[in-house]
């Protein structure tokens, strides 16, 4: 039997109240718009720009360090780094203390593209946050920082384990 609209909305409201669902929905919508704009304006997507920004902010970082900073999975990092290298936005060199490791450095072209993308990113974020007052934006950042700090302090796990009923 087909569900009615009310039944579907009722079930959706049960999971739509979860913070993780709301964050996923917000992220998906924001990334879709941002990817489209970034690709058109600078030729890269959000994930590539996240890695480029991290390299610009941490010259000499290794791929492992980059993965820890950006939360991008290992296979994706390899693919994106190859793209950034081919576009001459970054360069790599052997690590001074361990030649088995490669350090990543932004090129002047990479720094310029990063600066351009930052202007776009700040405009996108300002537009999205425009529905909130400055006080609400500050409070949102405070709350998100508090939740993030707690998760990181617990090794990325929720503070308490909940037993199944």
Protein backbone atom coordinates (compact mmCIF):
# COMPACT_ATOMS: atom_id res chain seq x y z
CA UNK A 1 0.00 0.00 0.00
CA UNK A 2 1.37 3.42 -0.91
CA UNK A 3 2.17 5.86 1.86
CA UNK A 4 0.17 9.00 2.13
CA UNK A 5 1.90 12.38 2.15
CA UNK A 6 1.06 12.84 5.84
CA UNK A 7 2.61 9.46 6.74
CA UNK A 8 5.78 10.32 4.80
CA UNK A 9 6.04 13.76 6.40
CA UNK A 10 5.44 12.29 9.86
CA UNK A 11 8.21 9.73 9.43
CA UNK A 12 10.53 12.35 7.92
CA UNK A 13 9.95 14.62 10.91
CA UNK A 14 11.15 11.85 13.24
CA UNK A 15 14.62 11.74 11.71
CA UNK A 16 14.68 15.36 10.59
CA UNK A 17 14.89 16.38 14.25
CA UNK A 18 18.32 14.78 14.60
CA UNK A 19 21.25 17.18 14.52
CA UNK A 20 23.26 14.90 12.23
CA UNK A 21 20.45 14.91 9.65
CA UNK A 22 20.14 18.69 9.77
CA UNK A 23 23.91 19.09 9.41
CA UNK A 24 24.01 16.62 6.50
CA UNK A 25 21.17 18.43 4.74
CA UNK A 26 22.80 21.81 5.26
CA UNK A 27 26.17 20.50 4.07
CA UNK A 28 24.72 18.87 0.97
CA UNK A 29 22.86 22.01 -0.07
CA UNK A 30 25.82 24.27 0.61
CA UNK A 31 28.31 22.01 -1.16
CA UNK A 32 26.14 21.71 -4.26
CA UNK A 33 25.94 25.47 -4.69
CA UNK A 34 29.57 26.04 -3.74
CA UNK A 35 30.93 23.34 -6.06
CA UNK A 36 29.04 24.79 -8.99
CA UNK A 37 30.29 28.33 -8.34
CA UNK A 38 33.88 27.34 -7.53
CA UNK A 39 34.16 25.14 -10.63
CA UNK A 40 32.89 27.97 -12.81
CA UNK A 41 35.07 30.66 -11.22
CA UNK A 42 38.34 28.87 -10.34
CA UNK A 43 38.06 25.42 -11.92
CA UNK A 44 38.19 23.44 -8.66
CA UNK A 45 35.64 21.94 -6.30
CA UNK A 46 35.29 22.41 -2.55
CA UNK A 47 37.39 19.36 -1.64
CA UNK A 48 40.27 20.44 -3.88
CA UNK A 49 40.13 23.93 -2.45
CA UNK A 50 40.07 22.57 1.10
CA UNK A 51 43.33 20.75 0.41
CA UNK A 52 44.88 23.74 -1.37
CA UNK A 53 43.94 26.02 1.53
CA UNK A 54 45.45 23.60 4.05
CA UNK A 55 48.69 23.43 2.06
CA UNK A 56 48.81 27.23 1.78
CA UNK A 57 48.26 27.54 5.54
CA UNK A 58 50.74 24.76 6.39
CA UNK A 59 53.58 24.85 3.85
CA UNK A 60 55.63 21.67 4.00
CA UNK A 61 52.76 19.51 5.25
CA UNK A 62 52.83 15.79 4.38
CA UNK A 63 49.90 13.91 2.86
CA UNK A 64 49.27 12.23 6.22
CA UNK A 65 49.20 15.57 7.99
CA UNK A 66 46.92 16.91 5.30
CA UNK A 67 44.51 14.00 5.77
CA UNK A 68 44.35 14.62 9.52
CA UNK A 69 43.74 18.36 9.05
CA UNK A 70 41.13 18.17 6.31
CA UNK A 71 39.25 14.93 7.06
CA UNK A 72 39.53 13.95 3.39
CA UNK A 73 39.94 10.20 2.84
CA UNK A 74 43.33 8.86 1.73
CA UNK A 75 42.31 7.76 -1.79
CA UNK A 76 40.66 11.10 -2.51
CA UNK A 77 43.71 12.98 -1.26
CA UNK A 78 45.96 11.14 -3.70
CA UNK A 79 43.67 11.95 -6.62
CA UNK A 80 43.26 15.63 -5.67
CA UNK A 81 46.97 16.10 -5.01
CA UNK A 82 47.74 14.70 -8.46
CA UNK A 83 45.31 17.24 -9.93
CA UNK A 84 46.77 20.15 -7.92
CA UNK A 85 50.29 19.12 -8.98
CA UNK A 86 49.28 18.86 -12.66
CA UNK A 87 47.71 22.32 -12.47
CA UNK A 88 50.93 23.61 -10.86
CA UNK A 89 49.03 24.90 -7.84
CA UNK A 90 51.30 22.97 -5.47
CA UNK A 91 54.73 21.37 -5.62
CA UNK A 92 56.29 18.58 -3.60
CA UNK A 93 59.75 17.90 -2.25
CA UNK A 94 61.38 15.19 -0.13
CA UNK A 95 61.05 15.74 3.60
CA UNK A 96 64.30 17.01 5.12
CA UNK A 97 64.40 14.48 7.95
CA UNK A 98 62.77 11.49 6.21
CA UNK A 99 63.24 11.14 2.45
CA UNK A 100 60.41 8.58 2.33
CA UNK A 101 57.95 11.40 3.02
CA UNK A 102 57.00 14.17 0.64
CA UNK A 103 56.26 17.69 1.75
CA UNK A 104 53.68 19.80 -0.07
CA UNK A 105 54.12 23.48 -0.85
CA UNK A 106 51.85 26.04 -2.52
CA UNK A 107 53.09 27.67 -5.71
CA UNK A 108 52.56 31.38 -6.37
CA UNK A 109 49.76 30.38 -8.74
CA UNK A 110 48.22 28.22 -6.01
CA UNK A 111 48.37 31.07 -3.49
CA UNK A 112 46.68 33.41 -5.98
CA UNK A 113 43.90 30.91 -6.74
CA UNK A 114 43.41 30.31 -3.02
CA UNK A 115 43.01 34.07 -2.43
CA UNK A 116 40.42 34.28 -5.21
CA UNK A 117 38.54 31.29 -3.83
CA UNK A 118 38.56 32.80 -0.33
CA UNK A 119 36.72 35.88 -1.61
CA UNK A 120 34.11 33.61 -3.19
CA UNK A 121 33.87 31.45 -0.07
CA UNK A 122 33.37 34.38 2.26
CA UNK A 123 30.64 35.75 -0.03
CA UNK A 124 28.87 32.36 -0.13
CA UNK A 125 29.05 31.98 3.63
CA UNK A 126 27.85 35.54 4.23
CA UNK A 127 24.90 34.95 1.94
CA UNK A 128 23.95 31.73 3.68
CA UNK A 129 24.33 33.23 7.15
CA UNK A 130 22.43 36.40 6.26
CA UNK A 131 19.26 34.92 7.78
CA UNK A 132 20.96 35.13 11.19
CA UNK A 133 21.83 38.23 13.16
CA UNK A 134 25.50 38.76 14.01
CA UNK A 135 24.76 37.69 17.59
CA UNK A 136 23.14 34.47 16.30
CA UNK A 137 26.12 33.81 14.00
CA UNK A 138 28.52 34.30 16.91
CA UNK A 139 26.41 31.99 19.09
CA UNK A 140 26.22 29.35 16.35
CA UNK A 141 30.02 29.40 16.00
CA UNK A 142 30.41 29.14 19.76
CA UNK A 143 28.08 26.13 19.93
CA UNK A 144 29.71 24.38 16.98
CA UNK A 145 33.17 24.98 18.45
CA UNK A 146 32.00 23.57 21.78
CA UNK A 147 30.59 20.42 20.15
CA UNK A 148 33.69 20.00 17.99
CA UNK A 149 36.04 20.44 20.94
CA UNK A 150 34.11 17.81 22.93
CA UNK A 151 34.19 15.30 20.07
CA UNK A 152 37.90 15.86 19.46
CA UNK A 153 38.64 15.51 23.18
CA UNK A 154 36.89 12.11 23.07
CA UNK A 155 38.76 10.92 20.00
CA UNK A 156 35.89 11.76 17.66
CA UNK A 157 33.33 9.80 19.64
CA UNK A 158 30.22 11.03 21.45
CA UNK A 159 30.76 11.89 25.12
CA UNK A 160 28.64 9.06 26.50
CA UNK A 161 27.77 5.60 25.37
CA UNK A 162 24.04 4.97 25.32
CA UNK A 163 22.73 1.50 26.00
CA UNK A 164 20.04 0.14 23.74
CA UNK A 165 16.59 0.01 25.34
